[in-house]
Amino acid sequence: MELYRDQAAHLEKIAYQQRLLQEDVVHIRAEISSASTEMARAWEDYSRLESSVEQLRAVLEAHMNHSATPQVRDGTAPQCCAVLLFHSMGTMSTGVDVNRTLS
């Protein structure tokens, strides 16, 4: 009889632990869902920003190609700054794209 009581108490403990684990699973799934939604929103924001950067890059490139001032055509400071900005924008975009494919 006592063996049965010990067995029943043990089964009750197991059932209780199982309920706790099931609750943990529910909470973990909710956190994963929330993180996934947040990540999707972040990539949407990134895509919008990337589009804006591409537009700015196109305007900058057009400006560099059509600039009429001799100062810019001679390769002095303003053009150098514009070229550096232009290339750094491309480098940043490439780096973020690589990170996006890795995640």
PDB file of N, CA and C in Angstrom:
ATOM      1  N   MET A   1       0.817  -1.190   0.000  1.00  0.00           N
ATOM      2  CA  MET A   1       0.000   0.000   0.000  1.00  0.00           C
ATOM      3  C   MET A   1       0.868   1.264   0.000  1.00  0.00           C
ATOM      4  N   GLU A   2       1.919   1.222   0.827  1.00  0.00           N
ATOM      5  CA  GLU A   2       2.803   2.388   0.898  1.00  0.00           C
ATOM      6  C   GLU A   2       3.552   2.587  -0.418  1.00  0.00           C
ATOM      7  N   LEU A   3       3.877   1.511  -1.057  1.00  0.00           N
ATOM      8  CA  LEU A   3       4.537   1.585  -2.351  1.00  0.00           C
ATOM      9  C   LEU A   3       3.645   2.297  -3.353  1.00  0.00           C
ATOM     10  N   TYR A   4       2.373   2.028  -3.318  1.00  0.00           N
ATOM     11  CA  TYR A   4       1.410   2.682  -4.210  1.00  0.00           C
ATOM     12  C   TYR A   4       1.351   4.180  -3.932  1.00  0.00           C
ATOM     13  N   ARG A   5       1.364   4.555  -2.636  1.00  0.00           N
ATOM     14  CA  ARG A   5       1.328   5.979  -2.269  1.00  0.00           C
ATOM     15  C   ARG A   5       2.568   6.709  -2.782  1.00  0.00           C
ATOM     16  N   ASP A   6       3.724   6.099  -2.622  1.00  0.00           N
ATOM     17  CA  ASP A   6       4.963   6.713  -3.108  1.00  0.00           C
ATOM     18  C   ASP A   6       4.940   6.850  -4.626  1.00  0.00           C
ATOM     19  N   GLN A   7       4.404   5.836  -5.272  1.00  0.00           N
ATOM     20  CA  GLN A   7       4.322   5.864  -6.724  1.00  0.00           C
ATOM     21  C   GLN A   7       3.362   6.960  -7.187  1.00  0.00           C
ATOM     22  N   ALA A   8       2.251   7.116  -6.511  1.00  0.00           N
ATOM     23  CA  ALA A   8       1.274   8.154  -6.867  1.00  0.00           C
ATOM     24  C   ALA A   8       1.872   9.544  -6.671  1.00  0.00           C
ATOM     25  N   ALA A   9       2.605   9.737  -5.574  1.00  0.00           N
ATOM     26  CA  ALA A   9       3.243  11.034  -5.318  1.00  0.00           C
ATOM     27  C   ALA A   9       4.299  11.320  -6.384  1.00  0.00           C
ATOM     28  N   HIS A  10       5.018  10.295  -6.769  1.00  0.00           N
ATOM     29  CA  HIS A  10       6.044  10.462  -7.804  1.00  0.00           C
ATOM     30  C   HIS A  10       5.397  10.825  -9.145  1.00  0.00           C
ATOM     31  N   LEU A  11       4.319  10.171  -9.495  1.00  0.00           N
ATOM     32  CA  LEU A  11       3.605  10.480 -10.737  1.00  0.00           C
ATOM     33  C   LEU A  11       3.040  11.898 -10.713  1.00  0.00           C
ATOM     34  N   GLU A  12       2.575  12.316  -9.543  1.00  0.00           N
ATOM     35  CA  GLU A  12       2.051  13.679  -9.408  1.00  0.00           C
ATOM     36  C   GLU A  12       3.160  14.711  -9.620  1.00  0.00           C
ATOM     37  N   LYS A  13       4.339  14.443  -9.075  1.00  0.00           N
ATOM     38  CA  LYS A  13       5.480  15.342  -9.279  1.00  0.00           C
ATOM     39  C   LYS A  13       5.848  15.414 -10.758  1.00  0.00           C
ATOM     40  N   ILE A  14       5.848  14.265 -11.405  1.00  0.00           N
ATOM     41  CA  ILE A  14       6.180  14.233 -12.833  1.00  0.00           C
ATOM     42  C   ILE A  14       5.158  15.031 -13.633  1.00  0.00           C
ATOM     43  N   ALA A  15       3.887  14.867 -13.326  1.00  0.00           N
ATOM     44  CA  ALA A  15       2.833  15.599 -14.039  1.00  0.00           C
ATOM     45  C   ALA A  15       2.981  17.103 -13.817  1.00  0.00           C
ATOM     46  N   TYR A  16       3.316  17.496 -12.589  1.00  0.00           N
ATOM     47  CA  TYR A  16       3.504  18.914 -12.276  1.00  0.00           C
ATOM     48  C   TYR A  16       4.686  19.483 -13.063  1.00  0.00           C
ATOM     49  N   GLN A  17       5.803  18.748 -13.088  1.00  0.00           N
ATOM     50  CA  GLN A  17       6.973  19.199 -13.844  1.00  0.00           C
ATOM     51  C   GLN A  17       6.659  19.291 -15.337  1.00  0.00           C
ATOM     52  N   GLN A  18       5.859  18.365 -15.826  1.00  0.00           N
ATOM     53  CA  GLN A  18       5.476  18.394 -17.235  1.00  0.00           C
ATOM     54  C   GLN A  18       4.653  19.642 -17.547  1.00  0.00           C
ATOM     55  N   ARG A  19       3.730  20.003 -16.651  1.00  0.00           N
ATOM     56  CA  ARG A  19       2.938  21.226 -16.849  1.00  0.00           C
ATOM     57  C   ARG A  19       3.833  22.459 -16.856  1.00  0.00           C
ATOM     58  N   LEU A  20       4.797  22.499 -15.949  1.00  0.00           N
ATOM     59  CA  LEU A  20       5.729  23.632 -15.914  1.00  0.00           C
ATOM     60  C   LEU A  20       6.537  23.722 -17.207  1.00  0.00           C
ATOM     61  N   LEU A  21       6.991  22.586 -17.685  1.00  0.00           N
ATOM     62  CA  LEU A  21       7.757  22.578 -18.934  1.00  0.00           C
ATOM     63  C   LEU A  21       6.893  23.009 -20.115  1.00  0.00           C
ATOM     64  N   GLN A  22       5.643  22.588 -20.138  1.00  0.00           N
ATOM     65  CA  GLN A  22       4.740  22.996 -21.214  1.00  0.00           C
ATOM     66  C   GLN A  22       4.505  24.504 -21.181  1.00  0.00           C
ATOM     67  N   GLU A  23       4.368  25.067 -19.988  1.00  0.00           N
ATOM     68  CA  GLU A  23       4.222  26.521 -19.864  1.00  0.00           C
ATOM     69  C   GLU A  23       5.479  27.232 -20.367  1.00  0.00           C
ATOM     70  N   ASP A  24       6.638  26.671 -20.028  1.00  0.00           N
ATOM     71  CA  ASP A  24       7.899  27.251 -20.513  1.00  0.00           C
ATOM     72  C   ASP A  24       7.955  27.235 -22.035  1.00  0.00           C
ATOM     73  N   VAL A  25       7.519  26.133 -22.635  1.00  0.00           N
ATOM     74  CA  VAL A  25       7.517  26.023 -24.094  1.00  0.00           C
ATOM     75  C   VAL A  25       6.620  27.092 -24.702  1.00  0.00           C
ATOM     76  N   VAL A  26       5.447  27.310 -24.112  1.00  0.00           N
ATOM     77  CA  VAL A  26       4.521  28.333 -24.616  1.00  0.00           C
ATOM     78  C   VAL A  26       5.176  29.709 -24.551  1.00  0.00           C
ATOM     79  N   HIS A  27       5.829  30.021 -23.427  1.00  0.00           N
ATOM     80  CA  HIS A  27       6.486  31.328 -23.273  1.00  0.00           C
ATOM     81  C   HIS A  27       7.649  31.484 -24.260  1.00  0.00           C
ATOM     82  N   ILE A  28       8.412  30.426 -24.442  1.00  0.00           N
ATOM     83  CA  ILE A  28       9.542  30.487 -25.375  1.00  0.00           C
ATOM     84  C   ILE A  28       9.044  30.695 -26.800  1.00  0.00           C
ATOM     85  N   ARG A  29       7.979  29.996 -27.177  1.00  0.00           N
ATOM     86  CA  ARG A  29       7.415  30.179 -28.523  1.00  0.00           C
ATOM     87  C   ARG A  29       6.918  31.609 -28.715  1.00  0.00           C
ATOM     88  N   ALA A  30       6.312  32.177 -27.680  1.00  0.00           N
ATOM     89  CA  ALA A  30       5.835  33.561 -27.772  1.00  0.00           C
ATOM     90  C   ALA A  30       7.013  34.521 -27.951  1.00  0.00           C
ATOM     91  N   GLU A  31       8.096  34.285 -27.223  1.00  0.00           N
ATOM     92  CA  GLU A  31       9.282  35.133 -27.355  1.00  0.00           C
ATOM     93  C   GLU A  31       9.906  35.001 -28.741  1.00  0.00           C
ATOM     94  N   ILE A  32       9.952  33.783 -29.263  1.00  0.00           N
ATOM     95  CA  ILE A  32      10.495  33.570 -30.611  1.00  0.00           C
ATOM     96  C   ILE A  32       9.636  34.288 -31.643  1.00  0.00           C
ATOM     97  N   SER A  33       8.332  34.196 -31.488  1.00  0.00           N
ATOM     98  CA  SER A  33       7.419  34.869 -32.416  1.00  0.00           C
ATOM     99  C   SER A  33       7.614  36.380 -32.371  1.00  0.00           C
ATOM    100  N   SER A  34       7.729  36.909 -31.169  1.00  0.00           N
ATOM    101  CA  SER A  34       7.934  38.347 -31.002  1.00  0.00           C
ATOM    102  C   SER A  34       9.264  38.786 -31.622  1.00  0.00           C
ATOM    103  N   ALA A  35      10.315  38.019 -31.375  1.00  0.00           N
ATOM    104  CA  ALA A  35      11.626  38.352 -31.937  1.00  0.00           C
ATOM    105  C   ALA A  35      11.603  38.257 -33.462  1.00  0.00           C
ATOM    106  N   SER A  36      10.906  37.269 -33.974  1.00  0.00           N
ATOM    107  CA  SER A  36      10.807  37.107 -35.428  1.00  0.00           C
ATOM    108  C   SER A  36      10.071  38.282 -36.059  1.00  0.00           C
ATOM    109  N   THR A  37       8.987  38.715 -35.426  1.00  0.00           N
ATOM    110  CA  THR A  37       8.229  39.866 -35.918  1.00  0.00           C
ATOM    111  C   THR A  37       9.087  41.125 -35.878  1.00  0.00           C
ATOM    112  N   GLU A  38       9.807  41.303 -34.788  1.00  0.00           N
ATOM    113  CA  GLU A  38      10.679  42.476 -34.649  1.00  0.00           C
ATOM    114  C   GLU A  38      11.788  42.459 -35.705  1.00  0.00           C
ATOM    115  N   MET A  39      12.339  41.278 -35.967  1.00  0.00           N
ATOM    116  CA  MET A  39      13.386  41.168 -36.976  1.00  0.00           C
ATOM    117  C   MET A  39      12.833  41.475 -38.367  1.00  0.00           C
ATOM    118  N   ALA A  40      11.633  41.009 -38.658  1.00  0.00           N
ATOM    119  CA  ALA A  40      11.016  41.297 -39.959  1.00  0.00           C
ATOM    120  C   ALA A  40      10.801  42.796 -40.127  1.00  0.00           C
ATOM    121  N   ARG A  41      10.345  43.455 -39.075  1.00  0.00           N
ATOM    122  CA  ARG A  41      10.157  44.909 -39.134  1.00  0.00           C
ATOM    123  C   ARG A  41      11.488  45.624 -39.347  1.00  0.00           C
ATOM    124  N   ALA A  42      12.517  45.146 -38.667  1.00  0.00           N
ATOM    125  CA  ALA A  42      13.838  45.767 -38.811  1.00  0.00           C
ATOM    126  C   ALA A  42      14.341  45.631 -40.244  1.00  0.00           C
ATOM    127  N   TRP A  43      14.139  44.474 -40.876  1.00  0.00           N
ATOM    128  CA  TRP A  43      14.573  44.305 -42.260  1.00  0.00           C
ATOM    129  C   TRP A  43      13.737  45.152 -43.209  1.00  0.00           C
ATOM    130  N   GLU A  44      12.459  45.346 -42.894  1.00  0.00           N
ATOM    131  CA  GLU A  44      11.634  46.251 -43.710  1.00  0.00           C
ATOM    132  C   GLU A  44      12.166  47.677 -43.614  1.00  0.00           C
ATOM    133  N   ASP A  45      12.501  48.097 -42.392  1.00  0.00           N
ATOM    134  CA  ASP A  45      13.091  49.427 -42.202  1.00  0.00           C
ATOM    135  C   ASP A  45      14.406  49.533 -42.966  1.00  0.00           C
ATOM    136  N   TYR A  46      15.219  48.493 -42.878  1.00  0.00           N
ATOM    137  CA  TYR A  46      16.490  48.487 -43.592  1.00  0.00           C
ATOM    138  C   TYR A  46      16.258  48.619 -45.095  1.00  0.00           C
ATOM    139  N   SER A  47      15.283  47.895 -45.620  1.00  0.00           N
ATOM    140  CA  SER A  47      15.008  47.953 -47.064  1.00  0.00           C
ATOM    141  C   SER A  47      14.614  49.357 -47.490  1.00  0.00           C
ATOM    142  N   ARG A  48      13.795  50.019 -46.662  1.00  0.00           N
ATOM    143  CA  ARG A  48      13.419  51.404 -46.976  1.00  0.00           C
ATOM    144  C   ARG A  48      14.647  52.315 -46.940  1.00  0.00           C
ATOM    145  N   LEU A  49      15.476  52.149 -45.931  1.00  0.00           N
ATOM    146  CA  LEU A  49      16.692  52.964 -45.834  1.00  0.00           C
ATOM    147  C   LEU A  49      17.644  52.674 -46.993  1.00  0.00           C
ATOM    148  N   GLU A  50      17.749  51.416 -47.356  1.00  0.00           N
ATOM    149  CA  GLU A  50      18.611  51.043 -48.474  1.00  0.00           C
ATOM    150  C   GLU A  50      18.133  51.703 -49.765  1.00  0.00           C
ATOM    151  N   SER A  51      16.831  51.748 -49.952  1.00  0.00           N
ATOM    152  CA  SER A  51      16.265  52.407 -51.132  1.00  0.00           C
ATOM    153  C   SER A  51      16.602  53.896 -51.125  1.00  0.00           C
ATOM    154  N   SER A  52      16.483  54.525 -49.959  1.00  0.00           N
ATOM    155  CA  SER A  52      16.828  55.946 -49.841  1.00  0.00           C
ATOM    156  C   SER A  52      18.302  56.181 -50.140  1.00  0.00           C
ATOM    157  N   VAL A  53      19.153  55.307 -49.637  1.00  0.00           N
ATOM    158  CA  VAL A  53      20.591  55.437 -49.887  1.00  0.00           C
ATOM    159  C   VAL A  53      20.877  55.292 -51.376  1.00  0.00           C
ATOM    160  N   GLU A  54      20.210  54.348 -52.027  1.00  0.00           N
ATOM    161  CA  GLU A  54      20.417  54.167 -53.469  1.00  0.00           C
ATOM    162  C   GLU A  54      19.984  55.409 -54.244  1.00  0.00           C
ATOM    163  N   GLN A  55      18.881  56.029 -53.823  1.00  0.00           N
ATOM    164  CA  GLN A  55      18.437  57.264 -54.474  1.00  0.00           C
ATOM    165  C   GLN A  55      19.467  58.374 -54.274  1.00  0.00           C
ATOM    166  N   LEU A  56      19.950  58.513 -53.042  1.00  0.00           N
ATOM    167  CA  LEU A  56      20.975  59.525 -52.763  1.00  0.00           C
ATOM    168  C   LEU A  56      22.250  59.248 -53.554  1.00  0.00           C
ATOM    169  N   ARG A  57      22.596  57.987 -53.641  1.00  0.00           N
ATOM    170  CA  ARG A  57      23.796  57.609 -54.385  1.00  0.00           C
ATOM    171  C   ARG A  57      23.651  57.979 -55.864  1.00  0.00           C
ATOM    172  N   ALA A  58      22.482  57.728 -56.423  1.00  0.00           N
ATOM    173  CA  ALA A  58      22.243  58.067 -57.834  1.00  0.00           C
ATOM    174  C   ALA A  58      22.325  59.573 -58.050  1.00  0.00           C
ATOM    175  N   VAL A  59      21.749  60.338 -57.126  1.00  0.00           N
ATOM    176  CA  VAL A  59      21.808  61.801 -57.234  1.00  0.00           C
ATOM    177  C   VAL A  59      23.249  62.276 -57.116  1.00  0.00           C
ATOM    178  N   LEU A  60      23.983  61.718 -56.171  1.00  0.00           N
ATOM    179  CA  LEU A  60      25.384  62.100 -55.982  1.00  0.00           C
ATOM    180  C   LEU A  60      26.213  61.754 -57.215  1.00  0.00           C
ATOM    181  N   GLU A  61      25.985  60.579 -57.766  1.00  0.00           N
ATOM    182  CA  GLU A  61      26.720  60.174 -58.964  1.00  0.00           C
ATOM    183  C   GLU A  61      26.396  61.099 -60.140  1.00  0.00           C
ATOM    184  N   ALA A  62      25.125  61.429 -60.307  1.00  0.00           N
ATOM    185  CA  ALA A  62      24.728  62.345 -61.383  1.00  0.00           C
ATOM    186  C   ALA A  62      25.363  63.711 -61.174  1.00  0.00           C
ATOM    187  N   HIS A  63      25.382  64.160 -59.937  1.00  0.00           N
ATOM    188  CA  HIS A  63      25.987  65.455 -59.623  1.00  0.00           C
ATOM    189  C   HIS A  63      27.483  65.440 -59.935  1.00  0.00           C
ATOM    190  N   MET A  64      28.147  64.353 -59.569  1.00  0.00           N
ATOM    191  CA  MET A  64      29.584  64.253 -59.832  1.00  0.00           C
ATOM    192  C   MET A  64      29.858  64.224 -61.333  1.00  0.00           C
ATOM    193  N   ASN A  65      29.031  63.517 -62.077  1.00  0.00           N
ATOM    194  CA  ASN A  65      29.248  63.381 -63.524  1.00  0.00           C
ATOM    195  C   ASN A  65      28.894  64.641 -64.301  1.00  0.00           C
ATOM    196  N   HIS A  66      27.976  65.436 -63.790  1.00  0.00           N
ATOM    197  CA  HIS A  66      27.506  66.605 -64.534  1.00  0.00           C
ATOM    198  C   HIS A  66      27.960  67.935 -63.943  1.00  0.00           C
ATOM    199  N   SER A  67      28.851  67.861 -62.990  1.00  0.00           N
ATOM    200  CA  SER A  67      29.310  69.092 -62.363  1.00  0.00           C
ATOM    201  C   SER A  67      30.104  69.922 -63.363  1.00  0.00           C
ATOM    202  N   ALA A  68      29.781  71.197 -63.422  1.00  0.00           N
ATOM    203  CA  ALA A  68      30.416  72.078 -64.409  1.00  0.00           C
ATOM    204  C   ALA A  68      31.551  72.895 -63.825  1.00  0.00           C
ATOM    205  N   THR A  69      31.735  72.864 -62.529  1.00  0.00           N
ATOM    206  CA  THR A  69      32.774  73.714 -61.946  1.00  0.00           C
ATOM    207  C   THR A  69      34.145  73.097 -62.178  1.00  0.00           C
ATOM    208  N   PRO A  70      35.112  73.903 -62.576  1.00  0.00           N
ATOM    209  CA  PRO A  70      36.468  73.390 -62.814  1.00  0.00           C
ATOM    210  C   PRO A  70      37.068  72.790 -61.549  1.00  0.00           C
ATOM    211  N   GLN A  71      36.705  73.344 -60.410  1.00  0.00           N
ATOM    212  CA  GLN A  71      37.245  72.877 -59.139  1.00  0.00           C
ATOM    213  C   GLN A  71      36.930  71.390 -58.942  1.00  0.00           C
ATOM    214  N   VAL A  72      35.703  70.996 -59.263  1.00  0.00           N
ATOM    215  CA  VAL A  72      35.314  69.606 -59.090  1.00  0.00           C
ATOM    216  C   VAL A  72      35.949  68.734 -60.158  1.00  0.00           C
ATOM    217  N   ARG A  73      36.006  69.246 -61.383  1.00  0.00           N
ATOM    218  CA  ARG A  73      36.589  68.466 -62.478  1.00  0.00           C
ATOM    219  C   ARG A  73      38.095  68.266 -62.303  1.00  0.00           C
ATOM    220  N   ASP A  74      38.752  69.172 -61.591  1.00  0.00           N
ATOM    221  CA  ASP A  74      40.194  69.061 -61.390  1.00  0.00           C
ATOM    222  C   ASP A  74      40.563  68.050 -60.307  1.00  0.00           C
ATOM    223  N   GLY A  75      39.603  67.490 -59.623  1.00  0.00           N
ATOM    224  CA  GLY A  75      39.893  66.506 -58.586  1.00  0.00           C
ATOM    225  C   GLY A  75      40.292  67.117 -57.265  1.00  0.00           C
ATOM    226  N   THR A  76      39.867  68.339 -57.007  1.00  0.00           N
ATOM    227  CA  THR A  76      40.200  68.984 -55.743  1.00  0.00           C
ATOM    228  C   THR A  76      39.255  68.488 -54.648  1.00  0.00           C
ATOM    229  N   ALA A  77      39.354  69.077 -53.482  1.00  0.00           N
ATOM    230  CA  ALA A  77      38.680  68.607 -52.271  1.00  0.00           C
ATOM    231  C   ALA A  77      37.197  68.267 -52.423  1.00  0.00           C
ATOM    232  N   PRO A  78      36.365  69.126 -53.015  1.00  0.00           N
ATOM    233  CA  PRO A  78      34.940  68.770 -53.070  1.00  0.00           C
ATOM    234  C   PRO A  78      34.681  67.454 -53.791  1.00  0.00           C
ATOM    235  N   GLN A  79      35.374  67.234 -54.914  1.00  0.00           N
ATOM    236  CA  GLN A  79      35.135  65.993 -55.648  1.00  0.00           C
ATOM    237  C   GLN A  79      35.673  64.800 -54.861  1.00  0.00           C
ATOM    238  N   CYS A  80      36.825  64.964 -54.246  1.00  0.00           N
ATOM    239  CA  CYS A  80      37.396  63.869 -53.465  1.00  0.00           C
ATOM    240  C   CYS A  80      36.455  63.447 -52.348  1.00  0.00           C
ATOM    241  N   CYS A  81      35.887  64.421 -51.678  1.00  0.00           N
ATOM    242  CA  CYS A  81      34.923  64.118 -50.614  1.00  0.00           C
ATOM    243  C   CYS A  81      33.707  63.401 -51.175  1.00  0.00           C
ATOM    244  N   ALA A  82      33.230  63.864 -52.312  1.00  0.00           N
ATOM    245  CA  ALA A  82      32.063  63.240 -52.935  1.00  0.00           C
ATOM    246  C   ALA A  82      32.376  61.812 -53.355  1.00  0.00           C
ATOM    247  N   VAL A  83      33.559  61.595 -53.914  1.00  0.00           N
ATOM    248  CA  VAL A  83      33.951  60.247 -54.343  1.00  0.00           C
ATOM    249  C   VAL A  83      34.074  59.323 -53.137  1.00  0.00           C
ATOM    250  N   LEU A  84      34.700  59.812 -52.065  1.00  0.00           N
ATOM    251  CA  LEU A  84      34.816  59.003 -50.853  1.00  0.00           C
ATOM    252  C   LEU A  84      33.445  58.656 -50.295  1.00  0.00           C
ATOM    253  N   LEU A  85      32.553  59.624 -50.263  1.00  0.00           N
ATOM    254  CA  LEU A  85      31.197  59.381 -49.779  1.00  0.00           C
ATOM    255  C   LEU A  85      30.501  58.351 -50.656  1.00  0.00           C
ATOM    256  N   PHE A  86      30.636  58.507 -51.953  1.00  0.00           N
ATOM    257  CA  PHE A  86      30.016  57.600 -52.916  1.00  0.00           C
ATOM    258  C   PHE A  86      30.494  56.165 -52.684  1.00  0.00           C
ATOM    259  N   HIS A  87      31.811  55.987 -52.548  1.00  0.00           N
ATOM    260  CA  HIS A  87      32.361  54.643 -52.362  1.00  0.00           C
ATOM    261  C   HIS A  87      32.036  54.077 -50.984  1.00  0.00           C
ATOM    262  N   SER A  88      32.027  54.907 -49.959  1.00  0.00           N
ATOM    263  CA  SER A  88      31.696  54.395 -48.628  1.00  0.00           C
ATOM    264  C   SER A  88      30.240  53.960 -48.555  1.00  0.00           C
ATOM    265  N   MET A  89      29.363  54.640 -49.295  1.00  0.00           N
ATOM    266  CA  MET A  89      27.959  54.218 -49.335  1.00  0.00           C
ATOM    267  C   MET A  89      27.856  52.817 -49.939  1.00  0.00           C
ATOM    268  N   GLY A  90      28.613  52.558 -50.978  1.00  0.00           N
ATOM    269  CA  GLY A  90      28.611  51.235 -51.603  1.00  0.00           C
ATOM    270  C   GLY A  90      29.176  50.172 -50.682  1.00  0.00           C
ATOM    271  N   THR A  91      30.248  50.511 -49.974  1.00  0.00           N
ATOM    272  CA  THR A  91      30.870  49.572 -49.048  1.00  0.00           C
ATOM    273  C   THR A  91      29.921  49.213 -47.913  1.00  0.00           C
ATOM    274  N   MET A  92      29.231  50.219 -47.369  1.00  0.00           N
ATOM    275  CA  MET A  92      28.281  49.955 -46.286  1.00  0.00           C
ATOM    276  C   MET A  92      27.146  49.073 -46.767  1.00  0.00           C
ATOM    277  N   SER A  93      26.618  49.355 -47.944  1.00  0.00           N
ATOM    278  CA  SER A  93      25.520  48.555 -48.488  1.00  0.00           C
ATOM    279  C   SER A  93      25.947  47.110 -48.676  1.00  0.00           C
ATOM    280  N   THR A  94      27.147  46.908 -49.192  1.00  0.00           N
ATOM    281  CA  THR A  94      27.652  45.556 -49.404  1.00  0.00           C
ATOM    282  C   THR A  94      27.806  44.825 -48.079  1.00  0.00           C
ATOM    283  N   GLY A  95      28.340  45.498 -47.075  1.00  0.00           N
ATOM    284  CA  GLY A  95      28.521  44.880 -45.761  1.00  0.00           C
ATOM    285  C   GLY A  95      27.215  44.475 -45.121  1.00  0.00           C
ATOM    286  N   VAL A  96      26.217  45.315 -45.218  1.00  0.00           N
ATOM    287  CA  VAL A  96      24.924  44.994 -44.622  1.00  0.00           C
ATOM    288  C   VAL A  96      24.253  43.864 -45.392  1.00  0.00           C
ATOM    289  N   ASP A  97      24.386  43.860 -46.717  1.00  0.00           N
ATOM    290  CA  ASP A  97      23.808  42.776 -47.509  1.00  0.00           C
ATOM    291  C   ASP A  97      24.422  41.434 -47.131  1.00  0.00           C
ATOM    292  N   VAL A  98      25.730  41.409 -46.900  1.00  0.00           N
ATOM    293  CA  VAL A  98      26.394  40.171 -46.489  1.00  0.00           C
ATOM    294  C   VAL A  98      25.847  39.722 -45.146  1.00  0.00           C
ATOM    295  N   ASN A  99      25.690  40.652 -44.206  1.00  0.00           N
ATOM    296  CA  ASN A  99      25.153  40.303 -42.892  1.00  0.00           C
ATOM    297  C   ASN A  99      23.724  39.794 -42.991  1.00  0.00           C
ATOM    298  N   ARG A 100      22.942  40.363 -43.897  1.00  0.00           N
ATOM    299  CA  ARG A 100      21.549  39.941 -44.041  1.00  0.00           C
ATOM    300  C   ARG A 100      21.492  38.499 -44.531  1.00  0.00           C
ATOM    301  N   THR A 101      22.351  38.122 -45.470  1.00  0.00           N
ATOM    302  CA  THR A 101      22.313  36.757 -45.991  1.00  0.00           C
ATOM    303  C   THR A 101      22.824  35.756 -44.967  1.00  0.00           C
ATOM    304  N   LEU A 102      23.677  36.192 -44.055  1.00  0.00           N
ATOM    305  CA  LEU A 102      24.180  35.296 -43.020  1.00  0.00           C
ATOM    306  C   LEU A 102      23.172  35.064 -41.909  1.00  0.00           C
ATOM    307  N   SER A 103      22.238  35.997 -41.713  1.00  0.00           N
ATOM    308  CA  SER A 103      21.297  35.837 -40.595  1.00  0.00           C
ATOM    309  C   SER A 103      20.068  35.079 -40.984  1.00  0.00           C
TER     310      SER A 103
END
